Each structure stands twice: as structure tokens, then as C-alpha cells.
Amino acid sequence: LTEAAAQGHMVAQYNLGLVYHEAQGVARNVDRAIELYTQAVRGGCALAYVNLGTLLEGERRDVDGAEKAYRAAIEADPGHANAHNHLGRLLQNERQDVDGAIEAYRAAIKADPGYAQAYYDLGVLLQCERQDVDGAIEAYRAAIEANPGLAQAHNNLGYLLEHERKDM
């Protein structure tokens, strides 16, 4: 794997970056993972862009770099639901861009209608930022339908039905 990555094979660069990112049989090395993901993105690897964005956002607090990586992942693969969802979280939490976050979550759902996390994240945004109880309930129900084991969605839905919906 190391040899293939050194020879410029994009998939090997991505996979080796993942090894260092997740400490799979080696010590976790964020710098090396970022270096390898950066090499892999030169070949247009959408997964590498997303993982690069995750490390830049979470480990380096480089919000601009992370946003650029998520947007590049979407450009490389417009149907990459996870990239849209990561962008939505960044826009919501780091940029306080509620409209942009809603658009990103909806793009994630359009790309993968079974992506429970995107429904859940949309529900949280609608509940907390827009006080849109009906929209949040709809999103949590869709999250639960997509993944019945998503406990947070059950919890939030239960709370809204018990405390916010007076017509129930």
C-alpha cells in the first residue's frame, strides 16, 4: 500500500490516509493522513476530499479549508450525500448560515433518500434554529424510517410530540 501510494495511485493514497487517520495498525498521524488525502484529491477522489475536510475542520480548526474540501467533494461527485451533509453541518455550526445548511441537508437527502443522518441533522436545525416543530417532526420521522436504530431521532421526536405539540 505504501509503495503504491508513493507511486501516485489515488486509491492507495486514500486508503493509506485512512490507515493513519483511523490508526489502523499504526499510530494515528493526522499530518500524514492530511498529506495523503491531499495527494489523493489531486486525482479527484471525493472520499479523500470529505476526509480531508473532516480533519481540517476537527483537528486543525481550519474552517475555510474544510469548507473548500467539502465543496470540492461535491464538485467531484454531486451525488456524494456525506459531502453535502458535512457541508451542512459546517455551514450551520461554524458559519451560522441556516439557509445554506438547509440547502446542503436537502441536497444530501436528494442524493441518498435513505441517509438517516441528513434527515436527523435537518430536524435538529429546523427544531433549534427555525422553531419549525412540524418540519422537525417530519425530518425525525424520516430519519427513523431510514434507520430505526437512530436513538437521537427517537428521543427528539418524543420530546417534540410530548412537549411542543399541544394538538396531540
N, C-alpha and C. Protein backbone atom coordinates (compact mmCIF):
# COMPACT_ATOMS: atom_id res chain seq x y z
N LEU A 1 0.83 -1.20 0.00
CA LEU A 1 0.00 0.00 0.00
C LEU A 1 0.87 1.26 0.00
N THR A 2 1.90 1.24 0.85
CA THR A 2 2.81 2.39 0.93
C THR A 2 3.51 2.62 -0.39
N GLU A 3 3.94 1.55 -1.02
CA GLU A 3 4.64 1.66 -2.30
C GLU A 3 3.71 2.19 -3.39
N ALA A 4 2.49 1.67 -3.44
CA ALA A 4 1.52 2.13 -4.44
C ALA A 4 1.18 3.60 -4.23
N ALA A 5 1.04 4.01 -2.97
CA ALA A 5 0.75 5.41 -2.68
C ALA A 5 1.91 6.30 -3.13
N ALA A 6 3.13 5.85 -2.88
CA ALA A 6 4.32 6.62 -3.28
C ALA A 6 4.41 6.73 -4.80
N GLN A 7 3.85 5.76 -5.52
CA GLN A 7 3.87 5.78 -6.98
C GLN A 7 2.73 6.62 -7.56
N GLY A 8 1.91 7.20 -6.68
CA GLY A 8 0.87 8.11 -7.14
C GLY A 8 -0.49 7.49 -7.39
N HIS A 9 -0.72 6.28 -6.91
CA HIS A 9 -2.02 5.64 -7.10
C HIS A 9 -3.02 6.26 -6.12
N MET A 10 -4.04 6.91 -6.68
CA MET A 10 -5.01 7.67 -5.89
C MET A 10 -5.70 6.81 -4.83
N VAL A 11 -6.15 5.63 -5.20
CA VAL A 11 -6.87 4.79 -4.24
C VAL A 11 -5.94 4.37 -3.10
N ALA A 12 -4.70 4.07 -3.44
CA ALA A 12 -3.73 3.70 -2.40
C ALA A 12 -3.45 4.89 -1.48
N GLN A 13 -3.36 6.08 -2.05
CA GLN A 13 -3.14 7.27 -1.24
C GLN A 13 -4.31 7.49 -0.29
N TYR A 14 -5.52 7.33 -0.81
CA TYR A 14 -6.71 7.48 0.04
C TYR A 14 -6.70 6.43 1.15
N ASN A 15 -6.49 5.17 0.78
CA ASN A 15 -6.54 4.08 1.77
C ASN A 15 -5.44 4.23 2.82
N LEU A 16 -4.26 4.63 2.41
CA LEU A 16 -3.18 4.82 3.38
C LEU A 16 -3.49 6.03 4.28
N GLY A 17 -4.08 7.06 3.70
CA GLY A 17 -4.52 8.19 4.52
C GLY A 17 -5.51 7.74 5.58
N LEU A 18 -6.42 6.85 5.19
CA LEU A 18 -7.40 6.30 6.13
C LEU A 18 -6.72 5.50 7.24
N VAL A 19 -5.68 4.77 6.90
CA VAL A 19 -4.92 3.99 7.88
C VAL A 19 -4.36 4.92 8.96
N TYR A 20 -3.77 6.03 8.54
CA TYR A 20 -3.20 6.98 9.52
C TYR A 20 -4.28 7.79 10.22
N HIS A 21 -5.34 8.11 9.53
CA HIS A 21 -6.46 8.87 10.10
C HIS A 21 -7.11 8.09 11.24
N GLU A 22 -7.34 6.80 11.00
CA GLU A 22 -8.08 5.97 11.96
C GLU A 22 -7.18 5.06 12.79
N ALA A 23 -5.85 5.21 12.65
CA ALA A 23 -4.88 4.42 13.43
C ALA A 23 -5.13 2.92 13.26
N GLN A 24 -5.20 2.49 12.02
CA GLN A 24 -5.43 1.08 11.72
C GLN A 24 -4.10 0.35 11.63
N GLY A 25 -3.63 -0.14 12.77
CA GLY A 25 -2.37 -0.88 12.81
C GLY A 25 -1.13 0.00 12.87
N VAL A 26 -1.32 1.30 12.91
CA VAL A 26 -0.22 2.26 13.06
C VAL A 26 -0.67 3.33 14.06
N ALA A 27 0.31 4.10 14.52
CA ALA A 27 -0.04 5.22 15.39
C ALA A 27 -0.79 6.26 14.57
N ARG A 28 -1.81 6.87 15.17
CA ARG A 28 -2.57 7.91 14.47
C ARG A 28 -1.64 9.06 14.13
N ASN A 29 -1.70 9.49 12.88
CA ASN A 29 -0.82 10.56 12.43
C ASN A 29 -1.64 11.48 11.52
N VAL A 30 -2.18 12.53 12.11
CA VAL A 30 -3.06 13.45 11.39
C VAL A 30 -2.30 14.14 10.26
N ASP A 31 -1.07 14.55 10.51
CA ASP A 31 -0.29 15.23 9.47
C ASP A 31 -0.10 14.32 8.25
N ARG A 32 0.25 13.08 8.49
CA ARG A 32 0.45 12.13 7.39
C ARG A 32 -0.87 11.85 6.67
N ALA A 33 -1.96 11.73 7.42
CA ALA A 33 -3.27 11.50 6.80
C ALA A 33 -3.64 12.69 5.91
N ILE A 34 -3.45 13.90 6.39
CA ILE A 34 -3.75 15.09 5.60
C ILE A 34 -2.90 15.11 4.34
N GLU A 35 -1.63 14.79 4.47
CA GLU A 35 -0.72 14.75 3.32
C GLU A 35 -1.21 13.74 2.28
N LEU A 36 -1.60 12.55 2.72
CA LEU A 36 -2.05 11.51 1.79
C LEU A 36 -3.40 11.86 1.17
N TYR A 37 -4.33 12.38 1.95
CA TYR A 37 -5.61 12.81 1.39
C TYR A 37 -5.41 13.92 0.36
N THR A 38 -4.49 14.84 0.66
CA THR A 38 -4.20 15.93 -0.27
C THR A 38 -3.67 15.37 -1.59
N GLN A 39 -2.85 14.35 -1.51
CA GLN A 39 -2.36 13.70 -2.74
C GLN A 39 -3.51 13.03 -3.48
N ALA A 40 -4.38 12.36 -2.77
CA ALA A 40 -5.49 11.62 -3.39
C ALA A 40 -6.50 12.57 -4.04
N VAL A 41 -6.71 13.75 -3.46
CA VAL A 41 -7.69 14.66 -4.04
C VAL A 41 -7.22 15.21 -5.39
N ARG A 42 -5.93 15.19 -5.61
CA ARG A 42 -5.43 15.64 -6.92
C ARG A 42 -5.97 14.77 -8.04
N GLY A 43 -6.34 13.54 -7.71
CA GLY A 43 -6.95 12.64 -8.67
C GLY A 43 -8.47 12.72 -8.69
N GLY A 44 -9.04 13.61 -7.87
CA GLY A 44 -10.49 13.81 -7.86
C GLY A 44 -11.25 12.87 -6.95
N CYS A 45 -10.60 12.28 -5.97
CA CYS A 45 -11.24 11.33 -5.06
C CYS A 45 -12.16 12.06 -4.07
N ALA A 46 -13.47 11.93 -4.27
CA ALA A 46 -14.44 12.63 -3.42
C ALA A 46 -14.32 12.20 -1.96
N LEU A 47 -14.10 10.92 -1.71
CA LEU A 47 -13.95 10.44 -0.33
C LEU A 47 -12.76 11.09 0.35
N ALA A 48 -11.68 11.27 -0.38
CA ALA A 48 -10.50 11.91 0.19
C ALA A 48 -10.80 13.37 0.54
N TYR A 49 -11.56 14.05 -0.33
CA TYR A 49 -11.95 15.43 -0.01
C TYR A 49 -12.74 15.49 1.29
N VAL A 50 -13.69 14.59 1.45
CA VAL A 50 -14.52 14.60 2.67
C VAL A 50 -13.66 14.34 3.90
N ASN A 51 -12.80 13.32 3.83
CA ASN A 51 -11.96 13.02 4.99
C ASN A 51 -10.97 14.14 5.26
N LEU A 52 -10.44 14.75 4.20
CA LEU A 52 -9.56 15.90 4.38
C LEU A 52 -10.32 17.03 5.08
N GLY A 53 -11.53 17.30 4.63
CA GLY A 53 -12.34 18.32 5.27
C GLY A 53 -12.60 18.03 6.73
N THR A 54 -12.88 16.78 7.03
CA THR A 54 -13.14 16.38 8.42
C THR A 54 -11.93 16.64 9.30
N LEU A 55 -10.75 16.28 8.80
CA LEU A 55 -9.53 16.52 9.59
C LEU A 55 -9.23 18.02 9.71
N LEU A 56 -9.39 18.74 8.62
CA LEU A 56 -9.12 20.18 8.68
C LEU A 56 -10.07 20.87 9.65
N GLU A 57 -11.33 20.48 9.61
CA GLU A 57 -12.32 21.10 10.50
C GLU A 57 -12.12 20.68 11.95
N GLY A 58 -12.00 19.39 12.18
CA GLY A 58 -11.96 18.88 13.54
C GLY A 58 -10.61 18.96 14.23
N GLU A 59 -9.55 18.71 13.49
CA GLU A 59 -8.22 18.66 14.09
C GLU A 59 -7.47 19.98 13.97
N ARG A 60 -7.64 20.66 12.86
CA ARG A 60 -6.88 21.89 12.61
C ARG A 60 -7.68 23.16 12.83
N ARG A 61 -9.00 23.01 12.99
CA ARG A 61 -9.91 24.16 13.13
C ARG A 61 -9.78 25.10 11.93
N ASP A 62 -9.49 24.53 10.78
CA ASP A 62 -9.36 25.27 9.53
C ASP A 62 -10.71 25.19 8.81
N VAL A 63 -11.63 26.07 9.20
CA VAL A 63 -12.99 26.04 8.68
C VAL A 63 -12.99 26.36 7.18
N ASP A 64 -12.19 27.33 6.77
CA ASP A 64 -12.14 27.68 5.35
C ASP A 64 -11.65 26.51 4.51
N GLY A 65 -10.58 25.87 4.97
CA GLY A 65 -10.04 24.72 4.25
C GLY A 65 -11.02 23.57 4.20
N ALA A 66 -11.73 23.34 5.31
CA ALA A 66 -12.71 22.26 5.36
C ALA A 66 -13.87 22.54 4.41
N GLU A 67 -14.37 23.78 4.43
CA GLU A 67 -15.46 24.12 3.52
C GLU A 67 -15.04 23.93 2.07
N LYS A 68 -13.84 24.37 1.75
CA LYS A 68 -13.32 24.21 0.39
C LYS A 68 -13.24 22.72 0.02
N ALA A 69 -12.81 21.88 0.95
CA ALA A 69 -12.71 20.44 0.68
C ALA A 69 -14.10 19.82 0.47
N TYR A 70 -15.07 20.18 1.31
CA TYR A 70 -16.41 19.62 1.14
C TYR A 70 -17.02 20.06 -0.19
N ARG A 71 -16.82 21.33 -0.54
CA ARG A 71 -17.36 21.81 -1.82
C ARG A 71 -16.67 21.13 -3.00
N ALA A 72 -15.38 20.88 -2.86
CA ALA A 72 -14.65 20.17 -3.92
C ALA A 72 -15.13 18.73 -4.05
N ALA A 73 -15.46 18.10 -2.93
CA ALA A 73 -16.01 16.73 -2.97
C ALA A 73 -17.33 16.73 -3.73
N ILE A 74 -18.15 17.72 -3.48
CA ILE A 74 -19.45 17.82 -4.16
C ILE A 74 -19.25 18.09 -5.64
N GLU A 75 -18.27 18.90 -5.96
CA GLU A 75 -17.98 19.17 -7.37
C GLU A 75 -17.49 17.89 -8.07
N ALA A 76 -16.65 17.12 -7.37
CA ALA A 76 -16.13 15.88 -7.94
C ALA A 76 -17.22 14.82 -8.07
N ASP A 77 -18.17 14.82 -7.10
CA ASP A 77 -19.26 13.85 -7.11
C ASP A 77 -20.50 14.50 -6.53
N PRO A 78 -21.32 15.13 -7.39
CA PRO A 78 -22.51 15.83 -6.89
C PRO A 78 -23.49 14.94 -6.13
N GLY A 79 -23.41 13.65 -6.31
CA GLY A 79 -24.30 12.73 -5.60
C GLY A 79 -23.72 12.20 -4.30
N HIS A 80 -22.65 12.80 -3.82
CA HIS A 80 -21.99 12.34 -2.58
C HIS A 80 -22.73 12.92 -1.38
N ALA A 81 -23.69 12.16 -0.86
CA ALA A 81 -24.56 12.64 0.21
C ALA A 81 -23.78 13.05 1.46
N ASN A 82 -22.76 12.29 1.81
CA ASN A 82 -21.98 12.59 3.01
C ASN A 82 -21.28 13.95 2.89
N ALA A 83 -20.80 14.27 1.69
CA ALA A 83 -20.15 15.57 1.50
C ALA A 83 -21.15 16.71 1.70
N HIS A 84 -22.34 16.55 1.15
CA HIS A 84 -23.39 17.56 1.34
C HIS A 84 -23.71 17.71 2.83
N ASN A 85 -23.81 16.59 3.54
CA ASN A 85 -24.17 16.64 4.95
C ASN A 85 -23.08 17.30 5.78
N HIS A 86 -21.81 16.96 5.49
CA HIS A 86 -20.71 17.62 6.21
C HIS A 86 -20.71 19.12 5.95
N LEU A 87 -20.97 19.50 4.70
CA LEU A 87 -21.04 20.92 4.39
C LEU A 87 -22.18 21.57 5.18
N GLY A 88 -23.32 20.90 5.25
CA GLY A 88 -24.44 21.43 6.02
C GLY A 88 -24.09 21.66 7.48
N ARG A 89 -23.41 20.70 8.08
CA ARG A 89 -23.01 20.86 9.49
C ARG A 89 -22.06 22.04 9.66
N LEU A 90 -21.10 22.15 8.73
CA LEU A 90 -20.15 23.25 8.81
C LEU A 90 -20.88 24.59 8.66
N LEU A 91 -21.76 24.68 7.69
CA LEU A 91 -22.50 25.93 7.48
C LEU A 91 -23.35 26.27 8.69
N GLN A 92 -23.98 25.27 9.28
CA GLN A 92 -24.83 25.50 10.44
C GLN A 92 -24.01 25.89 11.67
N ASN A 93 -22.98 25.11 11.96
CA ASN A 93 -22.27 25.27 13.24
C ASN A 93 -21.15 26.29 13.21
N GLU A 94 -20.49 26.44 12.07
CA GLU A 94 -19.33 27.33 12.00
C GLU A 94 -19.66 28.67 11.33
N ARG A 95 -20.56 28.64 10.37
CA ARG A 95 -20.87 29.87 9.62
C ARG A 95 -22.20 30.49 10.04
N GLN A 96 -23.00 29.77 10.82
CA GLN A 96 -24.34 30.21 11.21
C GLN A 96 -25.17 30.57 9.97
N ASP A 97 -24.97 29.82 8.91
CA ASP A 97 -25.69 30.00 7.64
C ASP A 97 -26.80 28.96 7.59
N VAL A 98 -27.93 29.29 8.20
CA VAL A 98 -29.03 28.34 8.33
C VAL A 98 -29.60 27.98 6.96
N ASP A 99 -29.80 28.97 6.10
CA ASP A 99 -30.35 28.68 4.78
C ASP A 99 -29.42 27.78 3.97
N GLY A 100 -28.12 28.07 4.01
CA GLY A 100 -27.15 27.24 3.31
C GLY A 100 -27.12 25.82 3.86
N ALA A 101 -27.23 25.69 5.18
CA ALA A 101 -27.23 24.37 5.81
C ALA A 101 -28.46 23.58 5.40
N ILE A 102 -29.63 24.23 5.39
CA ILE A 102 -30.86 23.54 4.96
C ILE A 102 -30.71 23.05 3.54
N GLU A 103 -30.18 23.89 2.68
CA GLU A 103 -29.98 23.52 1.28
C GLU A 103 -29.03 22.31 1.18
N ALA A 104 -27.96 22.32 1.97
CA ALA A 104 -26.99 21.21 1.94
C ALA A 104 -27.62 19.92 2.46
N TYR A 105 -28.37 19.99 3.56
CA TYR A 105 -29.02 18.79 4.09
C TYR A 105 -30.03 18.23 3.08
N ARG A 106 -30.77 19.12 2.45
CA ARG A 106 -31.75 18.65 1.45
C ARG A 106 -31.05 18.05 0.24
N ALA A 107 -29.89 18.59 -0.13
CA ALA A 107 -29.11 18.00 -1.23
C ALA A 107 -28.61 16.62 -0.84
N ALA A 108 -28.22 16.44 0.41
CA ALA A 108 -27.78 15.12 0.89
C ALA A 108 -28.93 14.12 0.81
N ILE A 109 -30.12 14.56 1.22
CA ILE A 109 -31.30 13.69 1.19
C ILE A 109 -31.68 13.36 -0.25
N LYS A 110 -31.59 14.34 -1.13
CA LYS A 110 -31.88 14.09 -2.55
C LYS A 110 -30.89 13.08 -3.13
N ALA A 111 -29.62 13.22 -2.75
CA ALA A 111 -28.59 12.31 -3.26
C ALA A 111 -28.78 10.89 -2.73
N ASP A 112 -29.25 10.79 -1.48
CA ASP A 112 -29.46 9.47 -0.86
C ASP A 112 -30.69 9.56 0.04
N PRO A 113 -31.87 9.22 -0.49
CA PRO A 113 -33.11 9.33 0.29
C PRO A 113 -33.13 8.43 1.53
N GLY A 114 -32.21 7.53 1.66
CA GLY A 114 -32.14 6.67 2.84
C GLY A 114 -31.09 7.10 3.85
N TYR A 115 -30.56 8.31 3.69
CA TYR A 115 -29.47 8.80 4.55
C TYR A 115 -30.06 9.39 5.83
N ALA A 116 -30.20 8.57 6.85
CA ALA A 116 -30.87 8.96 8.10
C ALA A 116 -30.21 10.15 8.78
N GLN A 117 -28.89 10.21 8.77
CA GLN A 117 -28.19 11.29 9.46
C GLN A 117 -28.55 12.65 8.89
N ALA A 118 -28.75 12.73 7.57
CA ALA A 118 -29.12 14.01 6.96
C ALA A 118 -30.51 14.44 7.41
N TYR A 119 -31.44 13.50 7.49
CA TYR A 119 -32.78 13.84 8.00
C TYR A 119 -32.69 14.31 9.45
N TYR A 120 -31.89 13.60 10.23
CA TYR A 120 -31.74 13.95 11.64
C TYR A 120 -31.14 15.36 11.78
N ASP A 121 -30.05 15.62 11.04
CA ASP A 121 -29.41 16.93 11.13
C ASP A 121 -30.35 18.04 10.69
N LEU A 122 -31.14 17.78 9.64
CA LEU A 122 -32.13 18.75 9.20
C LEU A 122 -33.16 18.98 10.30
N GLY A 123 -33.59 17.91 10.95
CA GLY A 123 -34.56 18.04 12.05
C GLY A 123 -34.03 18.89 13.19
N VAL A 124 -32.78 18.67 13.57
CA VAL A 124 -32.18 19.47 14.64
C VAL A 124 -32.15 20.94 14.25
N LEU A 125 -31.74 21.21 13.02
CA LEU A 125 -31.69 22.60 12.55
C LEU A 125 -33.08 23.23 12.57
N LEU A 126 -34.06 22.53 12.03
CA LEU A 126 -35.42 23.07 11.98
C LEU A 126 -35.96 23.30 13.39
N GLN A 127 -35.67 22.37 14.29
CA GLN A 127 -36.15 22.48 15.66
C GLN A 127 -35.47 23.64 16.40
N CYS A 128 -34.15 23.70 16.32
CA CYS A 128 -33.40 24.64 17.15
C CYS A 128 -33.23 26.02 16.53
N GLU A 129 -33.07 26.08 15.23
CA GLU A 129 -32.79 27.36 14.58
C GLU A 129 -34.04 28.03 14.03
N ARG A 130 -34.99 27.23 13.58
CA ARG A 130 -36.19 27.79 12.94
C ARG A 130 -37.44 27.64 13.79
N GLN A 131 -37.36 26.88 14.87
CA GLN A 131 -38.52 26.58 15.71
C GLN A 131 -39.67 26.06 14.85
N ASP A 132 -39.33 25.29 13.84
CA ASP A 132 -40.29 24.67 12.93
C ASP A 132 -40.58 23.26 13.44
N VAL A 133 -41.51 23.18 14.37
CA VAL A 133 -41.81 21.91 15.03
C VAL A 133 -42.33 20.89 14.03
N ASP A 134 -43.26 21.27 13.17
CA ASP A 134 -43.81 20.32 12.20
C ASP A 134 -42.73 19.82 11.24
N GLY A 135 -41.88 20.71 10.76
CA GLY A 135 -40.79 20.30 9.87
C GLY A 135 -39.81 19.39 10.56
N ALA A 136 -39.50 19.69 11.83
CA ALA A 136 -38.57 18.84 12.59
C ALA A 136 -39.17 17.46 12.83
N ILE A 137 -40.45 17.41 13.18
CA ILE A 137 -41.12 16.12 13.38
C ILE A 137 -41.07 15.29 12.11
N GLU A 138 -41.36 15.91 10.99
CA GLU A 138 -41.31 15.21 9.70
C GLU A 138 -39.90 14.68 9.43
N ALA A 139 -38.88 15.50 9.70
CA ALA A 139 -37.50 15.08 9.46
C ALA A 139 -37.10 13.94 10.39
N TYR A 140 -37.46 14.02 11.68
CA TYR A 140 -37.13 12.95 12.61
C TYR A 140 -37.83 11.65 12.22
N ARG A 141 -39.07 11.74 11.79
CA ARG A 141 -39.80 10.54 11.36
C ARG A 141 -39.12 9.90 10.14
N ALA A 142 -38.65 10.74 9.21
CA ALA A 142 -37.95 10.22 8.04
C ALA A 142 -36.63 9.59 8.45
N ALA A 143 -35.93 10.18 9.41
CA ALA A 143 -34.68 9.61 9.91
C ALA A 143 -34.92 8.23 10.51
N ILE A 144 -35.99 8.11 11.30
CA ILE A 144 -36.32 6.85 11.95
C ILE A 144 -36.73 5.81 10.92
N GLU A 145 -37.46 6.23 9.90
CA GLU A 145 -37.84 5.29 8.84
C GLU A 145 -36.59 4.77 8.12
N ALA A 146 -35.64 5.66 7.89
CA ALA A 146 -34.41 5.27 7.20
C ALA A 146 -33.51 4.42 8.09
N ASN A 147 -33.50 4.70 9.39
CA ASN A 147 -32.67 3.95 10.34
C ASN A 147 -33.41 3.87 11.67
N PRO A 148 -34.18 2.80 11.88
CA PRO A 148 -34.95 2.67 13.12
C PRO A 148 -34.09 2.65 14.38
N GLY A 149 -32.80 2.43 14.25
CA GLY A 149 -31.91 2.39 15.41
C GLY A 149 -31.30 3.74 15.76
N LEU A 150 -31.67 4.79 15.07
CA LEU A 150 -31.10 6.11 15.34
C LEU A 150 -31.78 6.70 16.59
N ALA A 151 -31.20 6.41 17.73
CA ALA A 151 -31.81 6.73 19.02
C ALA A 151 -32.06 8.22 19.21
N GLN A 152 -31.14 9.07 18.73
CA GLN A 152 -31.31 10.51 18.92
C GLN A 152 -32.58 11.00 18.23
N ALA A 153 -32.89 10.44 17.07
CA ALA A 153 -34.09 10.85 16.35
C ALA A 153 -35.34 10.46 17.14
N HIS A 154 -35.35 9.26 17.71
CA HIS A 154 -36.48 8.83 18.56
C HIS A 154 -36.62 9.78 19.74
N ASN A 155 -35.49 10.09 20.37
CA ASN A 155 -35.51 10.97 21.54
C ASN A 155 -36.07 12.35 21.19
N ASN A 156 -35.55 12.94 20.13
CA ASN A 156 -36.00 14.29 19.76
C ASN A 156 -37.46 14.29 19.32
N LEU A 157 -37.85 13.27 18.57
CA LEU A 157 -39.25 13.16 18.15
C LEU A 157 -40.16 13.04 19.37
N GLY A 158 -39.79 12.18 20.29
CA GLY A 158 -40.59 12.01 21.50
C GLY A 158 -40.73 13.30 22.29
N TYR A 159 -39.63 14.03 22.41
CA TYR A 159 -39.66 15.30 23.12
C TYR A 159 -40.64 16.27 22.44
N LEU A 160 -40.52 16.39 21.12
CA LEU A 160 -41.39 17.33 20.41
C LEU A 160 -42.85 16.93 20.53
N LEU A 161 -43.13 15.66 20.39
CA LEU A 161 -44.52 15.21 20.47
C LEU A 161 -45.09 15.42 21.87
N GLU A 162 -44.27 15.24 22.89
CA GLU A 162 -44.75 15.39 24.26
C GLU A 162 -44.83 16.85 24.70
N HIS A 163 -43.84 17.64 24.34
CA HIS A 163 -43.73 18.98 24.90
C HIS A 163 -44.11 20.13 23.97
N GLU A 164 -44.05 19.91 22.69
CA GLU A 164 -44.26 21.02 21.76
C GLU A 164 -45.59 20.95 21.02
N ARG A 165 -46.07 19.76 20.80
CA ARG A 165 -47.32 19.60 20.04
C ARG A 165 -48.48 19.55 21.02
N LYS A 166 -49.19 20.64 21.12
CA LYS A 166 -50.32 20.72 22.05
C LYS A 166 -51.59 20.12 21.46
N ASP A 167 -51.54 19.85 20.12
CA ASP A 167 -52.74 19.31 19.44
C ASP A 167 -52.77 17.80 19.46
N MET A 168 -51.81 17.17 20.08
CA MET A 168 -51.73 15.71 20.07
C MET A 168 -52.60 15.12 21.18
